[in-house]
C-alpha atoms as a PDB file:
ATOM      1  CA  UNK A   1      57.915 108.773  75.996  1.00  0.00           C
ATOM      2  CA  UNK A   2      55.860 111.853  76.806  1.00  0.00           C
ATOM      3  CA  UNK A   3      54.248 109.962  79.706  1.00  0.00           C
ATOM      4  CA  UNK A   4      57.710 109.503  81.242  1.00  0.00           C
ATOM      5  CA  UNK A   5      58.610 113.164  80.728  1.00  0.00           C
ATOM      6  CA  UNK A   6      55.464 114.144  82.616  1.00  0.00           C
ATOM      7  CA  UNK A   7      56.852 112.278  85.637  1.00  0.00           C
ATOM      8  CA  UNK A   8      60.016 114.429  85.767  1.00  0.00           C
ATOM      9  CA  UNK A   9      59.897 117.474  88.026  1.00  0.00           C
ATOM     10  CA  UNK A  10      61.469 120.626  86.565  1.00  0.00           C
ATOM     11  CA  UNK A  11      63.132 122.821  89.206  1.00  0.00           C
ATOM     12  CA  UNK A  12      64.103 126.329  88.040  1.00  0.00           C
ATOM     13  CA  UNK A  13      67.230 128.066  89.344  1.00  0.00           C
ATOM     14  CA  UNK A  14      68.786 124.934  90.864  1.00  0.00           C
ATOM     15  CA  UNK A  15      71.592 124.492  91.770  1.00  0.00           C
ATOM     16  CA  UNK A  16      72.134 128.126  90.764  1.00  0.00           C
ATOM     17  CA  UNK A  17      70.169 130.872  88.995  1.00  0.00           C
ATOM     18  CA  UNK A  18      69.559 130.234  85.305  1.00  0.00           C
ATOM     19  CA  UNK A  19      69.807 126.426  85.535  1.00  0.00           C
ATOM     20  CA  UNK A  20      66.665 124.353  84.970  1.00  0.00           C
ATOM     21  CA  UNK A  21      67.187 121.115  86.929  1.00  0.00           C
ATOM     22  CA  UNK A  22      65.419 117.954  85.765  1.00  0.00           C
ATOM     23  CA  UNK A  23      64.627 116.008  88.940  1.00  0.00           C
ATOM     24  CA  UNK A  24      64.249 112.352  88.031  1.00  0.00           C
ATOM     25  CA  UNK A  25      63.419 111.263  91.577  1.00  0.00           C
ATOM     26  CA  UNK A  26      59.746 111.792  90.762  1.00  0.00           C
ATOM     27  CA  UNK A  27      60.106 109.407  87.797  1.00  0.00           C
ATOM     28  CA  UNK A  28      62.027 106.862  89.914  1.00  0.00           C
ATOM     29  CA  UNK A  29      59.303 106.796  92.567  1.00  0.00           C
ATOM     30  CA  UNK A  30      56.590 105.999  90.021  1.00  0.00           C
ATOM     31  CA  UNK A  31      56.375 102.186  89.791  1.00  0.00           C
ATOM     32  CA  UNK A  32      55.223 101.998  86.167  1.00  0.00           C
ATOM     33  CA  UNK A  33      57.393 104.858  84.940  1.00  0.00           C
ATOM     34  CA  UNK A  34      60.533 103.468  86.566  1.00  0.00           C
ATOM     35  CA  UNK A  35      59.829 100.005  85.143  1.00  0.00           C
ATOM     36  CA  UNK A  36      59.370 101.419  81.607  1.00  0.00           C
ATOM     37  CA  UNK A  37      62.548 103.471  81.873  1.00  0.00           C
ATOM     38  CA  UNK A  38      64.683 100.544  83.037  1.00  0.00           C
ATOM     39  CA  UNK A  39      63.142  98.132  80.536  1.00  0.00           C
ATOM     40  CA  UNK A  40      63.983 100.408  77.600  1.00  0.00           C
ATOM     41  CA  UNK A  41      67.573 100.752  78.824  1.00  0.00           C
ATOM     42  CA  UNK A  42      67.865  96.984  79.234  1.00  0.00           C
ATOM     43  CA  UNK A  43      66.495  96.394  75.742  1.00  0.00           C
ATOM     44  CA  UNK A  44      69.256  98.555  74.269  1.00  0.00           C
ATOM     45  CA  UNK A  45      72.120  96.742  76.042  1.00  0.00           C
ATOM     46  CA  UNK A  46      70.807  93.190  76.425  1.00  0.00           C
ATOM     47  CA  UNK A  47      73.221  91.755  73.832  1.00  0.00           C
ATOM     48  CA  UNK A  48      76.244  93.866  74.847  1.00  0.00           C
ATOM     49  CA  UNK A  49      78.037  91.112  76.852  1.00  0.00           C
ATOM     50  CA  UNK A  50      78.980  93.441  79.692  1.00  0.00           C
ATOM     51  CA  UNK A  51      81.326  92.670  82.553  1.00  0.00           C
ATOM     52  CA  UNK A  52      80.377  95.702  84.632  1.00  0.00           C
ATOM     53  CA  UNK A  53      78.112  98.728  84.806  1.00  0.00           C
ATOM     54  CA  UNK A  54      79.655 101.881  86.271  1.00  0.00           C
ATOM     55  CA  UNK A  55      77.149 104.202  87.923  1.00  0.00           C
ATOM     56  CA  UNK A  56      77.973 107.861  88.457  1.00  0.00           C
ATOM     57  CA  UNK A  57      77.129 109.351  91.852  1.00  0.00           C
ATOM     58  CA  UNK A  58      74.411 109.979  92.827  1.00  0.00           C
ATOM     59  CA  UNK A  59      71.437 109.274  90.583  1.00  0.00           C
ATOM     60  CA  UNK A  60      73.470 106.895  88.451  1.00  0.00           C
ATOM     61  CA  UNK A  61      73.440 104.728  91.579  1.00  0.00           C
ATOM     62  CA  UNK A  62      69.690 104.299  91.134  1.00  0.00           C
ATOM     63  CA  UNK A  63      69.918 102.959  87.586  1.00  0.00           C
ATOM     64  CA  UNK A  64      73.292 101.218  87.275  1.00  0.00           C
ATOM     65  CA  UNK A  65      72.833  98.448  89.888  1.00  0.00           C
ATOM     66  CA  UNK A  66      69.446  97.501  88.427  1.00  0.00           C
ATOM     67  CA  UNK A  67      70.914  97.322  84.916  1.00  0.00           C
ATOM     68  CA  UNK A  68      73.963  95.401  86.175  1.00  0.00           C
ATOM     69  CA  UNK A  69      71.790  92.846  87.953  1.00  0.00           C
ATOM     70  CA  UNK A  70      69.491  92.306  84.997  1.00  0.00           C
ATOM     71  CA  UNK A  71      72.384  92.118  82.507  1.00  0.00           C
ATOM     72  CA  UNK A  72      74.407  89.693  84.642  1.00  0.00           C
ATOM     73  CA  UNK A  73      77.210  92.205  85.219  1.00  0.00           C
ATOM     74  CA  UNK A  74      78.947  93.688  88.239  1.00  0.00           C
ATOM     75  CA  UNK A  75      78.295  97.187  89.567  1.00  0.00           C
ATOM     76  CA  UNK A  76      81.049  99.801  89.959  1.00  0.00           C
ATOM     77  CA  UNK A  77      80.363 102.994  91.918  1.00  0.00           C
ATOM     78  CA  UNK A  78      81.965 106.167  90.558  1.00  0.00           C
ATOM     79  CA  UNK A  79      82.061 108.632  93.437  1.00  0.00           C
ATOM     80  CA  UNK A  80      82.909 112.184  94.349  1.00  0.00           C
ATOM     81  CA  UNK A  81      86.368 112.586  95.942  1.00  0.00           C
ATOM     82  CA  UNK A  82      86.897 111.193  99.432  1.00  0.00           C
ATOM     83  CA  UNK A  83      83.885 108.851  99.476  1.00  0.00           C
ATOM     84  CA  UNK A  84      85.536 105.508  98.635  1.00  0.00           C
ATOM     85  CA  UNK A  85      87.355 103.583 101.391  1.00  0.00           C
ATOM     86  CA  UNK A  86      90.155 102.003  99.324  1.00  0.00           C
ATOM     87  CA  UNK A  87      92.920 103.168  96.965  1.00  0.00           C
ATOM     88  CA  UNK A  88      91.439 105.174  94.120  1.00  0.00           C
ATOM     89  CA  UNK A  89      92.135 106.462  90.649  1.00  0.00           C
ATOM     90  CA  UNK A  90      91.026 110.086  90.326  1.00  0.00           C
ATOM     91  CA  UNK A  91      90.158 112.646  87.684  1.00  0.00           C
ATOM     92  CA  UNK A  92      89.209 116.359  87.748  1.00  0.00           C
ATOM     93  CA  UNK A  93      86.846 117.798  85.110  1.00  0.00           C
ATOM     94  CA  UNK A  94      84.691 120.769  84.069  1.00  0.00           C
ATOM     95  CA  UNK A  95      80.924 120.673  84.396  1.00  0.00           C
ATOM     96  CA  UNK A  96      78.285 123.139  83.302  1.00  0.00           C
ATOM     97  CA  UNK A  97      78.463 125.173  86.516  1.00  0.00           C
ATOM     98  CA  UNK A  98      81.995 124.684  87.900  1.00  0.00           C
ATOM     99  CA  UNK A  99      84.612 121.961  88.373  1.00  0.00           C
ATOM    100  CA  UNK A 100      84.440 118.627  90.126  1.00  0.00           C
ATOM    101  CA  UNK A 101      86.257 115.361  90.547  1.00  0.00           C
ATOM    102  CA  UNK A 102      85.517 111.649  90.426  1.00  0.00           C
ATOM    103  CA  UNK A 103      87.108 108.574  91.923  1.00  0.00           C
ATOM    104  CA  UNK A 104      86.899 104.862  91.359  1.00  0.00           C
ATOM    105  CA  UNK A 105      88.599 102.043  93.249  1.00  0.00           C
ATOM    106  CA  UNK A 106      91.806 101.333  91.384  1.00  0.00           C
ATOM    107  CA  UNK A 107      91.012  97.597  91.417  1.00  0.00           C
ATOM    108  CA  UNK A 108      87.387  98.001  90.261  1.00  0.00           C
ATOM    109  CA  UNK A 109      88.167  97.260  86.611  1.00  0.00           C
ATOM    110  CA  UNK A 110      90.438  94.604  85.130  1.00  0.00           C
ATOM    111  CA  UNK A 111      92.185  95.228  81.810  1.00  0.00           C
ATOM    112  CA  UNK A 112      89.850  94.443  78.904  1.00  0.00           C
ATOM    113  CA  UNK A 113      86.603  94.356  80.878  1.00  0.00           C
ATOM    114  CA  UNK A 114      83.574  95.548  78.934  1.00  0.00           C
ATOM    115  CA  UNK A 115      82.013  98.403  80.898  1.00  0.00           C
ATOM    116  CA  UNK A 116      78.826 100.438  80.441  1.00  0.00           C
ATOM    117  CA  UNK A 117      78.733 103.960  81.954  1.00  0.00           C
ATOM    118  CA  UNK A 118      75.349 104.987  83.426  1.00  0.00           C
ATOM    119  CA  UNK A 119      73.976 108.246  84.774  1.00  0.00           C
ATOM    120  CA  UNK A 120      70.575 109.864  84.972  1.00  0.00           C
ATOM    121  CA  UNK A 121      71.269 112.828  82.703  1.00  0.00           C
ATOM    122  CA  UNK A 122      73.625 113.887  79.913  1.00  0.00           C
ATOM    123  CA  UNK A 123      74.084 117.665  79.848  1.00  0.00           C
ATOM    124  CA  UNK A 124      77.440 119.115  78.738  1.00  0.00           C
ATOM    125  CA  UNK A 125      79.066 115.674  78.837  1.00  0.00           C
ATOM    126  CA  UNK A 126      81.875 116.581  81.234  1.00  0.00           C
ATOM    127  CA  UNK A 127      80.999 114.061  83.930  1.00  0.00           C
ATOM    128  CA  UNK A 128      80.432 111.206  81.473  1.00  0.00           C
ATOM    129  CA  UNK A 129      83.599 112.053  79.550  1.00  0.00           C
ATOM    130  CA  UNK A 130      85.617 112.061  82.789  1.00  0.00           C
ATOM    131  CA  UNK A 131      84.127 108.715  83.815  1.00  0.00           C
ATOM    132  CA  UNK A 132      84.981 107.202  80.439  1.00  0.00           C
ATOM    133  CA  UNK A 133      88.559 108.476  80.727  1.00  0.00           C
ATOM    134  CA  UNK A 134      88.823 107.096  84.255  1.00  0.00           C
ATOM    135  CA  UNK A 135      87.492 103.670  83.219  1.00  0.00           C
ATOM    136  CA  UNK A 136      89.856 103.529  80.250  1.00  0.00           C
ATOM    137  CA  UNK A 137      92.750 104.565  82.486  1.00  0.00           C
ATOM    138  CA  UNK A 138      92.083 101.359  84.432  1.00  0.00           C
ATOM    139  CA  UNK A 139      91.968  99.281  81.235  1.00  0.00           C
ATOM    140  CA  UNK A 140      88.246  99.117  80.486  1.00  0.00           C
ATOM    141  CA  UNK A 141      86.736  98.726  77.069  1.00  0.00           C
ATOM    142  CA  UNK A 142      83.899 101.233  77.390  1.00  0.00           C
ATOM    143  CA  UNK A 143      81.065  99.858  75.274  1.00  0.00           C
ATOM    144  CA  UNK A 144      78.540 102.603  75.878  1.00  0.00           C
ATOM    145  CA  UNK A 145      77.125 105.438  77.922  1.00  0.00           C
ATOM    146  CA  UNK A 146      73.485 105.213  78.982  1.00  0.00           C
ATOM    147  CA  UNK A 147      71.296 108.048  80.254  1.00  0.00           C
ATOM    148  CA  UNK A 148      67.642 108.437  81.156  1.00  0.00           C
ATOM    149  CA  UNK A 149      67.628 112.055  79.899  1.00  0.00           C
ATOM    150  CA  UNK A 150      69.729 114.016  77.417  1.00  0.00           C
ATOM    151  CA  UNK A 151      69.708 117.809  77.092  1.00  0.00           C
ATOM    152  CA  UNK A 152      70.528 117.842  73.383  1.00  0.00           C
ATOM    153  CA  UNK A 153      70.878 121.644  73.216  1.00  0.00           C
ATOM    154  CA  UNK A 154      74.022 121.382  75.391  1.00  0.00           C
ATOM    155  CA  UNK A 155      75.680 119.005  72.898  1.00  0.00           C
ATOM    156  CA  UNK A 156      77.254 116.761  75.541  1.00  0.00           C
ATOM    157  CA  UNK A 157      77.098 113.798  73.174  1.00  0.00           C
ATOM    158  CA  UNK A 158      79.897 115.397  71.127  1.00  0.00           C
ATOM    159  CA  UNK A 159      82.325 114.818  74.028  1.00  0.00           C
ATOM    160  CA  UNK A 160      81.571 111.089  73.943  1.00  0.00           C
ATOM    161  CA  UNK A 161      82.747 110.540  70.375  1.00  0.00           C
ATOM    162  CA  UNK A 162      83.212 106.909  69.459  1.00  0.00           C
ATOM    163  CA  UNK A 163      80.954 105.655  72.248  1.00  0.00           C
ATOM    164  CA  UNK A 164      77.481 104.182  71.823  1.00  0.00           C
ATOM    165  CA  UNK A 165      75.381 106.852  73.554  1.00  0.00           C
ATOM    166  CA  UNK A 166      71.834 105.870  74.472  1.00  0.00           C
ATOM    167  CA  UNK A 167      69.403 108.322  76.037  1.00  0.00           C
ATOM    168  CA  UNK A 168      65.754 107.521  76.379  1.00  0.00           C
ATOM    169  CA  UNK A 169      64.297 111.000  76.840  1.00  0.00           C
ATOM    170  CA  UNK A 170      65.548 114.165  75.142  1.00  0.00           C
ATOM    171  CA  UNK A 171      64.968 117.849  75.744  1.00  0.00           C
ATOM    172  CA  UNK A 172      65.791 120.146  72.843  1.00  0.00           C
ATOM    173  CA  UNK A 173      65.564 123.471  74.715  1.00  0.00           C
END
């Protein structure tokens, strides 16, 4: 996996001083790297019998539709407030450098649907935890949370207790 890590650009002091931002766009634009990343994610969830894959704005939108298509599932966008055109369910949450909110169409999930949550990176776990709560609020059975990168030193996984958490690349410091 070191070859995939080499494709990720590290941006210091973004979005604020003291934060090291892992920019996956450089991995996504590499044909072979992107293919390897997606294939490994697909391998983990191929037998999960999913109804939908929920992608978290914005980089989750790169991965989730591809996984949904390949796994024969629907795609659900999870957006920042005010971006969806229909009636929404909403949640506010803490993230590592402030607060934010998420919305999902209130009719995006039917009770009992098996849903996978996808984003590019797991840091403190606040965004993923909020998305899981939002999906469950609409009746989803959340079967897992999938990430390209996990910053293990921030212990975000602990907020996703009881969920199958899969991250392909980890950073320990």
